[in-house]
C-alpha atoms as a PDB file:
ATOM      1  CA  MET A   1       0.000   0.000   0.000  1.00  0.00           C
ATOM      2  CA  SER A   2       1.440   3.354  -0.972  1.00  0.00           C
ATOM      3  CA  ALA A   3       2.088   6.073   1.572  1.00  0.00           C
ATOM      4  CA  PRO A   4      -0.503   8.831   1.849  1.00  0.00           C
ATOM      5  CA  GLN A   5       0.215  11.775  -0.419  1.00  0.00           C
ATOM      6  CA  THR A   6      -0.049  15.402   0.563  1.00  0.00           C
ATOM      7  CA  ARG A   7      -1.404  18.030  -1.776  1.00  0.00           C
ATOM      8  CA  PRO A   8       1.109  20.027  -3.780  1.00  0.00           C
ATOM      9  CA  PRO A   9       1.773  23.313  -1.997  1.00  0.00           C
ATOM     10  CA  ASP A  10       0.009  26.428  -3.310  1.00  0.00           C
ATOM     11  CA  ARG A  11       0.985  30.025  -2.651  1.00  0.00           C
ATOM     12  CA  ASP A  12      -1.020  30.275   0.593  1.00  0.00           C
ATOM     13  CA  ALA A  13       0.407  27.007   1.876  1.00  0.00           C
ATOM     14  CA  GLU A  14       3.946  28.171   1.092  1.00  0.00           C
ATOM     15  CA  ALA A  15       3.307  31.428   2.965  1.00  0.00           C
ATOM     16  CA  ALA A  16       1.987  29.407   5.919  1.00  0.00           C
ATOM     17  CA  ARG A  17       5.083  27.212   5.850  1.00  0.00           C
ATOM     18  CA  GLU A  18       7.400  30.234   5.852  1.00  0.00           C
ATOM     19  CA  GLY A  19       5.363  31.836   8.626  1.00  0.00           C
ATOM     20  CA  TYR A  20       5.565  28.676  10.724  1.00  0.00           C
ATOM     21  CA  LEU A  21       9.326  28.410  10.315  1.00  0.00           C
ATOM     22  CA  GLU A  22       9.839  32.117  11.045  1.00  0.00           C
ATOM     23  CA  GLU A  23       7.772  32.081  14.227  1.00  0.00           C
ATOM     24  CA  THR A  24       9.309  28.813  15.437  1.00  0.00           C
ATOM     25  CA  ARG A  25      12.810  30.214  14.991  1.00  0.00           C
ATOM     26  CA  SER A  26      11.750  33.433  16.708  1.00  0.00           C
ATOM     27  CA  ALA A  27      10.350  31.532  19.692  1.00  0.00           C
ATOM     28  CA  ARG A  28      13.660  29.715  20.178  1.00  0.00           C
ATOM     29  CA  LEU A  29      15.673  32.903  19.670  1.00  0.00           C
ATOM     30  CA  TYR A  30      13.685  34.741  22.348  1.00  0.00           C
ATOM     31  CA  VAL A  31      14.267  31.882  24.794  1.00  0.00           C
ATOM     32  CA  GLU A  32      18.021  32.231  24.232  1.00  0.00           C
ATOM     33  CA  LEU A  33      17.864  36.015  24.629  1.00  0.00           C
ATOM     34  CA  ALA A  34      15.919  35.663  27.870  1.00  0.00           C
ATOM     35  CA  ALA A  35      18.644  33.364  29.207  1.00  0.00           C
ATOM     36  CA  ILE A  36      21.354  35.891  28.279  1.00  0.00           C
ATOM     37  CA  GLU A  37      19.605  39.054  29.500  1.00  0.00           C
ATOM     38  CA  SER A  38      20.567  40.024  33.054  1.00  0.00           C
ATOM     39  CA  GLU A  39      17.775  42.559  33.638  1.00  0.00           C
ATOM     40  CA  ALA A  40      14.770  40.647  34.933  1.00  0.00           C
ATOM     41  CA  HIS A  41      12.020  42.778  33.350  1.00  0.00           C
ATOM     42  CA  ILE A  42      13.632  42.584  29.902  1.00  0.00           C
ATOM     43  CA  ALA A  43      14.214  38.833  30.235  1.00  0.00           C
ATOM     44  CA  ARG A  44      10.532  38.452  31.122  1.00  0.00           C
ATOM     45  CA  MET A  45       9.603  40.415  28.007  1.00  0.00           C
ATOM     46  CA  TYR A  46      11.662  38.028  25.862  1.00  0.00           C
ATOM     47  CA  ARG A  47      10.005  34.999  27.468  1.00  0.00           C
ATOM     48  CA  ASP A  48       6.565  36.479  26.809  1.00  0.00           C
ATOM     49  CA  LEU A  49       7.528  37.256  23.218  1.00  0.00           C
ATOM     50  CA  SER A  50       8.680  33.662  22.859  1.00  0.00           C
ATOM     51  CA  GLY A  51       5.284  32.452  24.013  1.00  0.00           C
ATOM     52  CA  MET A  52       3.532  34.730  21.532  1.00  0.00           C
ATOM     53  CA  ALA A  53       5.748  33.516  18.694  1.00  0.00           C
ATOM     54  CA  ALA A  54       4.991  29.902  19.653  1.00  0.00           C
ATOM     55  CA  ARG A  55       1.244  30.596  19.616  1.00  0.00           C
ATOM     56  CA  GLN A  56       1.543  32.270  16.231  1.00  0.00           C
ATOM     57  CA  ALA A  57       3.512  29.261  14.948  1.00  0.00           C
ATOM     58  CA  ALA A  58       0.633  27.053  16.109  1.00  0.00           C
ATOM     59  CA  LEU A  59      -1.790  29.149  14.039  1.00  0.00           C
ATOM     60  CA  TRP A  60       0.410  28.722  10.956  1.00  0.00           C
ATOM     61  CA  ALA A  61       0.571  24.974  11.675  1.00  0.00           C
ATOM     62  CA  ASP A  62      -3.237  24.848  11.677  1.00  0.00           C
ATOM     63  CA  ARG A  63      -3.288  26.513   8.264  1.00  0.00           C
ATOM     64  CA  LEU A  64      -0.821  23.961   6.944  1.00  0.00           C
ATOM     65  CA  ARG A  65      -2.979  21.098   8.179  1.00  0.00           C
ATOM     66  CA  GLU A  66      -6.064  22.671   6.620  1.00  0.00           C
ATOM     67  CA  SER A  67      -4.282  22.841   3.260  1.00  0.00           C
ATOM     68  CA  GLY A  68      -3.138  19.212   3.560  1.00  0.00           C
ATOM     69  CA  GLN A  69       0.542  20.064   4.021  1.00  0.00           C
ATOM     70  CA  ALA A  70       2.983  18.444   6.398  1.00  0.00           C
ATOM     71  CA  ILE A  71       4.307  20.417   9.356  1.00  0.00           C
ATOM     72  CA  PRO A  72       8.034  21.195   8.840  1.00  0.00           C
ATOM     73  CA  ALA A  73      10.565  19.730  11.207  1.00  0.00           C
ATOM     74  CA  THR A  74      11.431  21.923  14.190  1.00  0.00           C
ATOM     75  CA  ALA A  75      13.352  24.930  12.894  1.00  0.00           C
ATOM     76  CA  LEU A  76      16.509  26.004  14.664  1.00  0.00           C
ATOM     77  CA  PRO A  77      17.891  29.560  14.539  1.00  0.00           C
ATOM     78  CA  GLY A  78      20.075  30.113  11.479  1.00  0.00           C
ATOM     79  CA  CYS A  79      23.836  30.540  11.375  1.00  0.00           C
ATOM     80  CA  ARG A  80      23.648  34.319  11.708  1.00  0.00           C
ATOM     81  CA  ALA A  81      21.388  34.074  14.737  1.00  0.00           C
ATOM     82  CA  ARG A  82      23.634  31.486  16.415  1.00  0.00           C
ATOM     83  CA  ALA A  83      26.719  33.620  15.783  1.00  0.00           C
ATOM     84  CA  ALA A  84      24.949  36.691  17.189  1.00  0.00           C
ATOM     85  CA  LEU A  85      23.881  34.758  20.287  1.00  0.00           C
ATOM     86  CA  LEU A  86      27.415  33.485  20.813  1.00  0.00           C
ATOM     87  CA  LEU A  87      28.757  37.033  20.756  1.00  0.00           C
ATOM     88  CA  ALA A  88      25.897  38.363  22.885  1.00  0.00           C
ATOM     89  CA  ARG A  89      26.768  35.840  25.608  1.00  0.00           C
ATOM     90  CA  ARG A  90      30.189  37.478  25.825  1.00  0.00           C
ATOM     91  CA  ILE A  91      29.410  41.190  25.469  1.00  0.00           C
ATOM     92  CA  GLY A  92      25.674  41.406  26.160  1.00  0.00           C
ATOM     93  CA  ILE A  93      22.635  42.132  24.016  1.00  0.00           C
ATOM     94  CA  ARG A  94      22.738  45.918  24.272  1.00  0.00           C
ATOM     95  CA  PRO A  95      25.875  46.373  22.086  1.00  0.00           C
ATOM     96  CA  MET A  96      24.375  43.910  19.569  1.00  0.00           C
ATOM     97  CA  ARG A  97      21.116  45.791  18.985  1.00  0.00           C
ATOM     98  CA  SER A  98      21.745  46.537  15.315  1.00  0.00           C
ATOM     99  CA  VAL A  99      22.574  42.881  14.641  1.00  0.00           C
ATOM    100  CA  PHE A 100      19.438  41.620  16.365  1.00  0.00           C
ATOM    101  CA  ALA A 101      17.357  44.278  14.589  1.00  0.00           C
ATOM    102  CA  ALA A 102      18.441  42.689  11.304  1.00  0.00           C
ATOM    103  CA  LEU A 103      17.262  39.346  12.728  1.00  0.00           C
ATOM    104  CA  LYS A 104      13.853  40.923  13.387  1.00  0.00           C
ATOM    105  CA  VAL A 105      14.037  40.722  17.166  1.00  0.00           C
ATOM    106  CA  ARG A 106      11.271  42.755  18.818  1.00  0.00           C
ATOM    107  CA  GLY A 107      11.581  44.951  21.865  1.00  0.00           C
ATOM    108  CA  LEU A 108      15.037  46.382  21.184  1.00  0.00           C
ATOM    109  CA  SER A 109      13.796  49.886  21.957  1.00  0.00           C
ATOM    110  CA  VAL A 110      13.936  49.015  25.682  1.00  0.00           C
ATOM    111  CA  TYR A 111      17.714  49.378  25.426  1.00  0.00           C
ATOM    112  CA  SER A 112      17.343  52.967  24.195  1.00  0.00           C
ATOM    113  CA  ALA A 113      15.695  54.070  27.425  1.00  0.00           C
ATOM    114  CA  PRO A 114      17.993  55.531  30.122  1.00  0.00           C
ATOM    115  CA  ARG A 115      19.114  53.024  32.734  1.00  0.00           C
ATOM    116  CA  GLY A 116      18.349  53.230  36.369  1.00  0.00           C
ATOM    117  CA  PRO A 117      15.299  54.247  38.413  1.00  0.00           C
ATOM    118  CA  GLY A 118      13.233  57.233  37.477  1.00  0.00           C
ATOM    119  CA  HIS A 119      13.610  57.175  33.711  1.00  0.00           C
ATOM    120  CA  PRO A 120      10.676  58.744  31.860  1.00  0.00           C
ATOM    121  CA  ARG A 121       7.751  56.442  31.265  1.00  0.00           C
ATOM    122  CA  VAL A 122       5.612  56.429  28.145  1.00  0.00           C
ATOM    123  CA  THR A 123       2.114  57.462  29.144  1.00  0.00           C
ATOM    124  CA  ARG A 124       0.572  59.102  26.065  1.00  0.00           C
ATOM    125  CA  VAL A 125       0.205  58.325  22.385  1.00  0.00           C
ATOM    126  CA  ASP A 126       2.156  61.433  21.346  1.00  0.00           C
ATOM    127  CA  GLU A 127       5.180  60.216  23.326  1.00  0.00           C
ATOM    128  CA  ILE A 128       5.522  56.975  21.373  1.00  0.00           C
ATOM    129  CA  GLY A 129       8.783  56.552  19.548  1.00  0.00           C
ATOM    130  CA  ARG A 130      10.448  59.611  21.016  1.00  0.00           C
ATOM    131  CA  ARG A 131      14.075  59.436  22.015  1.00  0.00           C
ATOM    132  CA  HIS A 132      16.223  61.730  24.047  1.00  0.00           C
ATOM    133  CA  ARG A 133      18.401  63.471  21.501  1.00  0.00           C
ATOM    134  CA  THR A 134      21.407  65.602  22.210  1.00  0.00           C
ATOM    135  CA  GLY A 135      21.406  67.178  18.741  1.00  0.00           C
ATOM    136  CA  GLY A 136      24.381  68.189  16.697  1.00  0.00           C
ATOM    137  CA  GLY A 137      24.900  64.714  15.228  1.00  0.00           C
ATOM    138  CA  ASN A 138      25.564  65.987  11.714  1.00  0.00           C
ATOM    139  CA  LEU A 139      27.898  68.712  12.940  1.00  0.00           C
ATOM    140  CA  ARG A 140      29.829  66.233  15.059  1.00  0.00           C
ATOM    141  CA  ALA A 141      30.196  63.867  12.083  1.00  0.00           C
ATOM    142  CA  ALA A 142      31.466  66.762   9.964  1.00  0.00           C
ATOM    143  CA  VAL A 143      34.044  67.748  12.592  1.00  0.00           C
ATOM    144  CA  PHE A 144      35.331  64.176  12.835  1.00  0.00           C
ATOM    145  CA  GLY A 145      35.477  63.976   9.039  1.00  0.00           C
ATOM    146  CA  VAL A 146      37.608  67.107   8.908  1.00  0.00           C
ATOM    147  CA  ASN A 147      39.820  65.709  11.657  1.00  0.00           C
ATOM    148  CA  ASP A 148      40.313  62.418   9.798  1.00  0.00           C
ATOM    149  CA  GLY A 149      41.351  64.198   6.632  1.00  0.00           C
ATOM    150  CA  LEU A 150      43.640  66.564   8.491  1.00  0.00           C
ATOM    151  CA  VAL A 151      45.499  63.953  10.531  1.00  0.00           C
ATOM    152  CA  SER A 152      45.805  61.362   7.773  1.00  0.00           C
ATOM    153  CA  ASN A 153      47.019  63.731   5.046  1.00  0.00           C
ATOM    154  CA  ALA A 154      49.327  65.689   7.358  1.00  0.00           C
ATOM    155  CA  SER A 155      50.864  62.401   8.502  1.00  0.00           C
ATOM    156  CA  LEU A 156      51.208  61.232   4.910  1.00  0.00           C
ATOM    157  CA  ILE A 157      52.980  64.439   3.887  1.00  0.00           C
ATOM    158  CA  MET A 158      55.205  64.275   6.967  1.00  0.00           C
ATOM    159  CA  GLY A 159      56.156  60.701   6.155  1.00  0.00           C
ATOM    160  CA  MET A 160      57.124  61.610   2.609  1.00  0.00           C
ATOM    161  CA  ALA A 161      59.026  64.657   3.840  1.00  0.00           C
ATOM    162  CA  GLY A 162      60.933  62.438   6.248  1.00  0.00           C
ATOM    163  CA  ALA A 163      61.910  60.284   3.279  1.00  0.00           C
ATOM    164  CA  ALA A 164      63.404  63.415   1.678  1.00  0.00           C
ATOM    165  CA  ALA A 165      60.852  63.537  -1.150  1.00  0.00           C
ATOM    166  CA  GLY A 166      61.056  66.511  -3.476  1.00  0.00           C
ATOM    167  CA  PRO A 167      58.489  69.371  -3.531  1.00  0.00           C
ATOM    168  CA  ARG A 168      56.630  67.976  -6.551  1.00  0.00           C
ATOM    169  CA  THR A 169      56.454  64.522  -4.964  1.00  0.00           C
ATOM    170  CA  LEU A 170      55.090  66.026  -1.755  1.00  0.00           C
ATOM    171  CA  LEU A 171      52.424  67.880  -3.701  1.00  0.00           C
ATOM    172  CA  LEU A 172      51.391  64.804  -5.685  1.00  0.00           C
ATOM    173  CA  THR A 173      51.375  62.722  -2.502  1.00  0.00           C
ATOM    174  CA  GLY A 174      49.135  65.218  -0.744  1.00  0.00           C
ATOM    175  CA  VAL A 175      46.689  65.381  -3.651  1.00  0.00           C
ATOM    176  CA  ALA A 176      46.629  61.589  -3.942  1.00  0.00           C
ATOM    177  CA  GLY A 177      46.063  61.252  -0.196  1.00  0.00           C
ATOM    178  CA  LEU A 178      43.218  63.763  -0.296  1.00  0.00           C
ATOM    179  CA  LEU A 179      41.431  62.076  -3.186  1.00  0.00           C
ATOM    180  CA  ALA A 180      42.022  58.506  -2.039  1.00  0.00           C
ATOM    181  CA  GLY A 181      40.916  59.239   1.505  1.00  0.00           C
ATOM    182  CA  ALA A 182      37.885  61.310   0.483  1.00  0.00           C
ATOM    183  CA  PHE A 183      36.644  58.700  -1.992  1.00  0.00           C
ATOM    184  CA  SER A 184      37.235  55.927   0.523  1.00  0.00           C
ATOM    185  CA  MET A 185      35.285  57.757   3.211  1.00  0.00           C
ATOM    186  CA  ALA A 186      32.477  58.568   0.762  1.00  0.00           C
ATOM    187  CA  ALA A 187      32.242  54.959  -0.420  1.00  0.00           C
ATOM    188  CA  GLY A 188      32.179  53.647   3.136  1.00  0.00           C
ATOM    189  CA  GLU A 189      29.493  56.126   4.171  1.00  0.00           C
ATOM    190  CA  TYR A 190      27.386  55.319   1.118  1.00  0.00           C
ATOM    191  CA  VAL A 191      27.518  51.582   1.803  1.00  0.00           C
ATOM    192  CA  SER A 192      26.786  52.124   5.484  1.00  0.00           C
ATOM    193  CA  VAL A 193      23.732  54.345   4.979  1.00  0.00           C
ATOM    194  CA  ARG A 194      22.460  52.293   2.040  1.00  0.00           C
ATOM    195  CA  SER A 195      22.731  49.083   4.064  1.00  0.00           C
ATOM    196  CA  GLN A 196      20.923  50.721   6.953  1.00  0.00           C
ATOM    197  CA  ARG A 197      18.101  51.786   4.657  1.00  0.00           C
ATOM    198  CA  GLU A 198      17.877  48.304   3.114  1.00  0.00           C
ATOM    199  CA  VAL A 199      17.574  46.754   6.577  1.00  0.00           C
ATOM    200  CA  PHE A 200      14.837  49.202   7.457  1.00  0.00           C
ATOM    201  CA  GLU A 201      12.945  48.692   4.190  1.00  0.00           C
ATOM    202  CA  TYR A 202      13.103  44.903   4.538  1.00  0.00           C
ATOM    203  CA  GLN A 203      12.029  44.906   8.174  1.00  0.00           C
ATOM    204  CA  ILE A 204       9.230  47.410   7.696  1.00  0.00           C
ATOM    205  CA  GLY A 205       7.935  45.347   4.768  1.00  0.00           C
ATOM    206  CA  LEU A 206       7.712  42.261   6.962  1.00  0.00           C
ATOM    207  CA  GLU A 207       6.131  44.299   9.742  1.00  0.00           C
ATOM    208  CA  ARG A 208       3.496  45.651   7.328  1.00  0.00           C
ATOM    209  CA  GLU A 209       2.564  42.120   6.266  1.00  0.00           C
ATOM    210  CA  GLU A 210       2.289  40.922   9.857  1.00  0.00           C
ATOM    211  CA  LEU A 211       0.229  43.956  10.840  1.00  0.00           C
ATOM    212  CA  ASP A 212      -2.236  43.186   8.040  1.00  0.00           C
ATOM    213  CA  GLU A 213      -2.259  39.468   8.852  1.00  0.00           C
ATOM    214  CA  TYR A 214      -2.702  39.487  12.642  1.00  0.00           C
ATOM    215  CA  PRO A 215      -2.988  42.965  14.193  1.00  0.00           C
ATOM    216  CA  GLN A 216      -4.012  41.649  17.616  1.00  0.00           C
ATOM    217  CA  ALA A 217      -0.775  39.707  17.984  1.00  0.00           C
ATOM    218  CA  GLU A 218       1.186  42.849  17.062  1.00  0.00           C
ATOM    219  CA  ALA A 219      -0.776  44.809  19.677  1.00  0.00           C
ATOM    220  CA  ASP A 220       0.048  42.190  22.319  1.00  0.00           C
ATOM    221  CA  GLU A 221       3.758  42.325  21.468  1.00  0.00           C
ATOM    222  CA  LEU A 222       3.747  46.111  21.602  1.00  0.00           C
ATOM    223  CA  ALA A 223       2.052  46.034  24.992  1.00  0.00           C
ATOM    224  CA  LEU A 224       4.779  43.747  26.324  1.00  0.00           C
ATOM    225  CA  ILE A 225       7.438  46.207  25.220  1.00  0.00           C
ATOM    226  CA  TYR A 226       5.721  49.149  26.906  1.00  0.00           C
ATOM    227  CA  GLU A 227       5.291  47.104  30.052  1.00  0.00           C
ATOM    228  CA  ALA A 228       9.020  46.295  30.032  1.00  0.00           C
ATOM    229  CA  ARG A 229       9.706  50.010  29.703  1.00  0.00           C
ATOM    230  CA  GLY A 230       7.798  50.778  32.894  1.00  0.00           C
ATOM    231  CA  MET A 231       4.088  51.076  32.078  1.00  0.00           C
ATOM    232  CA  GLN A 232       1.339  49.348  34.000  1.00  0.00           C
ATOM    233  CA  ARG A 233      -0.007  46.304  32.152  1.00  0.00           C
ATOM    234  CA  ASP A 234      -3.526  47.658  31.602  1.00  0.00           C
ATOM    235  CA  ASP A 235      -2.194  51.027  30.422  1.00  0.00           C
ATOM    236  CA  ALA A 236       0.254  49.297  28.083  1.00  0.00           C
ATOM    237  CA  ARG A 237      -2.465  47.164  26.512  1.00  0.00           C
ATOM    238  CA  ARG A 238      -4.826  50.109  26.124  1.00  0.00           C
ATOM    239  CA  LEU A 239      -2.129  52.231  24.499  1.00  0.00           C
ATOM    240  CA  ALA A 240      -1.084  49.408  22.156  1.00  0.00           C
ATOM    241  CA  ARG A 241      -4.690  48.868  21.019  1.00  0.00           C
ATOM    242  CA  THR A 242      -5.062  52.586  20.346  1.00  0.00           C
ATOM    243  CA  LEU A 243      -1.928  52.641  18.217  1.00  0.00           C
ATOM    244  CA  ILE A 244      -2.731  49.515  16.234  1.00  0.00           C
ATOM    245  CA  ALA A 245      -6.115  51.003  15.333  1.00  0.00           C
ATOM    246  CA  ASP A 246      -4.317  53.591  13.162  1.00  0.00           C
ATOM    247  CA  PRO A 247      -2.404  51.569  10.505  1.00  0.00           C
ATOM    248  CA  GLN A 248       0.032  54.335   9.532  1.00  0.00           C
ATOM    249  CA  ARG A 249       0.934  55.270  13.081  1.00  0.00           C
ATOM    250  CA  ALA A 250       1.019  51.589  14.015  1.00  0.00           C
ATOM    251  CA  LEU A 251       3.598  50.800  11.341  1.00  0.00           C
ATOM    252  CA  ASP A 252       5.838  53.691  12.373  1.00  0.00           C
ATOM    253  CA  THR A 253       5.535  52.760  16.053  1.00  0.00           C
ATOM    254  CA  LEU A 254       6.240  49.071  15.432  1.00  0.00           C
ATOM    255  CA  ALA A 255       9.401  50.010  13.538  1.00  0.00           C
ATOM    256  CA  ARG A 256      10.587  52.140  16.440  1.00  0.00           C
ATOM    257  CA  GLU A 257       9.434  50.135  19.420  1.00  0.00           C
ATOM    258  CA  GLU A 258       9.651  46.522  18.237  1.00  0.00           C
ATOM    259  CA  LEU A 259      12.621  46.750  15.883  1.00  0.00           C
ATOM    260  CA  GLY A 260      14.466  49.729  17.380  1.00  0.00           C
ATOM    261  CA  LEU A 261      14.586  51.448  13.964  1.00  0.00           C
ATOM    262  CA  ASN A 262      14.122  55.201  13.678  1.00  0.00           C
ATOM    263  CA  PRO A 263      13.027  56.327  10.185  1.00  0.00           C
ATOM    264  CA  ASP A 264      13.967  59.925  11.036  1.00  0.00           C
ATOM    265  CA  GLU A 265      17.618  58.949  11.409  1.00  0.00           C
ATOM    266  CA  LEU A 266      17.923  57.415   7.938  1.00  0.00           C
ATOM    267  CA  GLY A 267      19.518  59.855   5.531  1.00  0.00           C
ATOM    268  CA  SER A 268      20.241  59.749   1.831  1.00  0.00           C
ATOM    269  CA  PRO A 269      23.173  57.478   0.878  1.00  0.00           C
ATOM    270  CA  TRP A 270      24.344  59.975  -1.734  1.00  0.00           C
ATOM    271  CA  GLY A 271      23.938  62.880   0.668  1.00  0.00           C
ATOM    272  CA  ALA A 272      25.929  61.084   3.358  1.00  0.00           C
ATOM    273  CA  ALA A 273      28.639  60.142   0.838  1.00  0.00           C
ATOM    274  CA  SER A 274      28.907  63.713  -0.441  1.00  0.00           C
ATOM    275  CA  ALA A 275      29.072  65.172   3.062  1.00  0.00           C
ATOM    276  CA  SER A 276      31.753  62.653   4.059  1.00  0.00           C
ATOM    277  CA  PHE A 277      33.782  63.394   0.919  1.00  0.00           C
ATOM    278  CA  LEU A 278      33.646  67.156   1.479  1.00  0.00           C
ATOM    279  CA  ALA A 279      34.437  66.949   5.204  1.00  0.00           C
ATOM    280  CA  PHE A 280      37.468  64.734   4.657  1.00  0.00           C
ATOM    281  CA  ALA A 281      38.680  66.859   1.735  1.00  0.00           C
ATOM    282  CA  ALA A 282      38.292  70.042   3.794  1.00  0.00           C
ATOM    283  CA  GLY A 283      40.607  68.633   6.452  1.00  0.00           C
ATOM    284  CA  ALA A 284      43.040  67.019   4.021  1.00  0.00           C
ATOM    285  CA  ILE A 285      43.609  70.182   1.999  1.00  0.00           C
ATOM    286  CA  ILE A 286      44.821  72.216   4.998  1.00  0.00           C
ATOM    287  CA  PRO A 287      48.360  70.740   5.217  1.00  0.00           C
ATOM    288  CA  LEU A 288      48.465  70.686   1.400  1.00  0.00           C
ATOM    289  CA  LEU A 289      47.760  74.390   0.844  1.00  0.00           C
ATOM    290  CA  PRO A 290      51.345  75.643   1.382  1.00  0.00           C
ATOM    291  CA  PHE A 291      52.612  73.230  -1.288  1.00  0.00           C
ATOM    292  CA  LEU A 292      49.998  74.559  -3.735  1.00  0.00           C
ATOM    293  CA  LEU A 293      51.251  78.105  -3.182  1.00  0.00           C
ATOM    294  CA  GLY A 294      54.986  77.542  -2.769  1.00  0.00           C
ATOM    295  CA  GLU A 295      57.665  74.951  -2.221  1.00  0.00           C
ATOM    296  CA  GLY A 296      60.772  74.147  -0.254  1.00  0.00           C
ATOM    297  CA  GLN A 297      61.420  74.461   3.467  1.00  0.00           C
ATOM    298  CA  ARG A 298      59.111  77.440   3.826  1.00  0.00           C
ATOM    299  CA  ALA A 299      56.154  75.473   2.475  1.00  0.00           C
ATOM    300  CA  PHE A 300      56.955  72.547   4.757  1.00  0.00           C
ATOM    301  CA  VAL A 301      57.102  74.765   7.864  1.00  0.00           C
ATOM    302  CA  ALA A 302      53.880  76.526   6.830  1.00  0.00           C
ATOM    303  CA  SER A 303      52.221  73.153   6.362  1.00  0.00           C
ATOM    304  CA  ILE A 304      53.156  72.087   9.881  1.00  0.00           C
ATOM    305  CA  ALA A 305      51.947  75.406  11.315  1.00  0.00           C
ATOM    306  CA  LEU A 306      48.617  75.260   9.487  1.00  0.00           C
ATOM    307  CA  ALA A 307      48.046  71.629  10.481  1.00  0.00           C
ATOM    308  CA  ALA A 308      48.861  72.421  14.124  1.00  0.00           C
ATOM    309  CA  ALA A 309      46.463  75.375  14.192  1.00  0.00           C
ATOM    310  CA  ALA A 310      43.718  73.314  12.550  1.00  0.00           C
ATOM    311  CA  LEU A 311      44.225  70.425  14.972  1.00  0.00           C
ATOM    312  CA  PHE A 312      43.879  72.773  17.915  1.00  0.00           C
ATOM    313  CA  GLY A 313      40.736  74.266  16.337  1.00  0.00           C
ATOM    314  CA  VAL A 314      39.184  70.835  15.777  1.00  0.00           C
ATOM    315  CA  GLY A 315      39.905  69.834  19.359  1.00  0.00           C
ATOM    316  CA  ALA A 316      38.426  73.066  20.672  1.00  0.00           C
ATOM    317  CA  THR A 317      35.314  72.550  18.541  1.00  0.00           C
ATOM    318  CA  LEU A 318      34.842  69.052  19.947  1.00  0.00           C
ATOM    319  CA  SER A 319      34.599  70.611  23.419  1.00  0.00           C
ATOM    320  CA  PHE A 320      31.087  71.769  22.430  1.00  0.00           C
ATOM    321  CA  PHE A 321      30.043  68.101  22.437  1.00  0.00           C
ATOM    322  CA  THR A 322      32.063  66.931  25.430  1.00  0.00           C
ATOM    323  CA  GLY A 323      31.577  69.892  27.759  1.00  0.00           C
ATOM    324  CA  ARG A 324      35.320  69.925  28.522  1.00  0.00           C
ATOM    325  CA  SER A 325      37.676  72.891  28.389  1.00  0.00           C
ATOM    326  CA  ALA A 326      38.223  74.128  24.817  1.00  0.00           C
ATOM    327  CA  PHE A 327      41.914  74.752  25.533  1.00  0.00           C
ATOM    328  CA  VAL A 328      42.469  71.291  27.008  1.00  0.00           C
ATOM    329  CA  SER A 329      40.577  69.602  24.146  1.00  0.00           C
ATOM    330  CA  GLY A 330      42.526  71.621  21.602  1.00  0.00           C
ATOM    331  CA  MET A 331      45.886  70.780  23.169  1.00  0.00           C
ATOM    332  CA  ARG A 332      45.001  67.109  23.416  1.00  0.00           C
ATOM    333  CA  MET A 333      44.081  66.951  19.731  1.00  0.00           C
ATOM    334  CA  LEU A 334      47.270  68.852  18.860  1.00  0.00           C
ATOM    335  CA  ALA A 335      49.346  66.374  20.869  1.00  0.00           C
ATOM    336  CA  ILE A 336      47.701  63.385  19.163  1.00  0.00           C
ATOM    337  CA  GLY A 337      48.273  64.867  15.722  1.00  0.00           C
ATOM    338  CA  ALA A 338      51.861  65.767  16.591  1.00  0.00           C
ATOM    339  CA  LEU A 339      52.579  62.193  17.710  1.00  0.00           C
ATOM    340  CA  ALA A 340      51.086  60.798  14.489  1.00  0.00           C
ATOM    341  CA  GLY A 341      53.102  63.241  12.374  1.00  0.00           C
ATOM    342  CA  ALA A 342      56.332  62.595  14.271  1.00  0.00           C
ATOM    343  CA  ALA A 343      55.881  58.836  13.963  1.00  0.00           C
ATOM    344  CA  THR A 344      55.326  58.939  10.201  1.00  0.00           C
ATOM    345  CA  TYR A 345      58.179  61.411   9.735  1.00  0.00           C
ATOM    346  CA  GLY A 346      60.509  59.073  11.634  1.00  0.00           C
ATOM    347  CA  ILE A 347      59.355  56.035   9.666  1.00  0.00           C
ATOM    348  CA  GLY A 348      59.751  57.977   6.436  1.00  0.00           C
ATOM    349  CA  SER A 349      63.293  58.961   7.411  1.00  0.00           C
ATOM    350  CA  LEU A 350      64.223  55.343   8.101  1.00  0.00           C
ATOM    351  CA  VAL A 351      62.690  54.134   4.843  1.00  0.00           C
ATOM    352  CA  GLY A 352      64.398  56.937   2.939  1.00  0.00           C
ATOM    353  CA  VAL A 353      67.813  56.085   4.370  1.00  0.00           C
ATOM    354  CA  ARG A 354      67.437  52.399   3.546  1.00  0.00           C
ATOM    355  CA  ALA A 355      66.206  53.172   0.038  1.00  0.00           C
ATOM    356  CA  ALA A 356      69.225  55.401  -0.532  1.00  0.00           C
END
């Protein structure tokens, strides 16, 4: 007698199979996260999320049975998830938030809240998704970009000068260092921002599908997160139901609160690349200017003086973000740049002697 045959899978059955596997893996992943997490209220949130994922997997299993399909074997977390868990056991979950966001772990926004007693609690709809922001993020990135260009190109020129390179060689080296560094920084920033946007777009797409498919389960998960962040259970459930009732606001809130993604912080990849290129080039051209206008020992001394003044200025500017003394910050940055320049000059001198 032949074995019983199952019906060939259709599109709905395939979606049910993928949903079952996804929720089963999620349930196991949350169990592991709960075991790693040292803060009791967050660990409890992960355990509750695991239970919800298991119940959702059971619903997908029912759909598979109704369509005459076999239930897949128990799904284990994938290689990426296992590697992330291994690292999280060593350094904790908090530093791994971006990795777990890509794995579609919910509740990561609890790590964005200030630690310790007395942190602000979410109590109203208009407070959802807000974060404490210090401001000045773009300005700080620009200052660091200028500093990178300044230190790297000044050190490069110093190294070549130590090797007794001629004026034309120093000029070509400085231009090459400016362009190579600026393009490298721009390419890295483009890839970084583009990847961040792709993660967000992928995750928000999945979240949109789940919100359409089972809104009540999404409301329950959201309530768990708010409860872990300090709300009373009844208030958390009431607030979650209110949010889920508005699909557009629900999607934005789920991205922020479940996935820890902030759409407002995603910029344009081309804009970020251009800004990075210009910031690096602005710093890199400072030690190069004297060689564009003159040559010889005078240009070299002027290059050192300009680089030193710029380093002090960058350090003083950074004091706006650190709250430290502008003079102390400026001198510290000058000392760091001077050490880098002296080291490359010394290495260049040794290489130049050996080459001769």
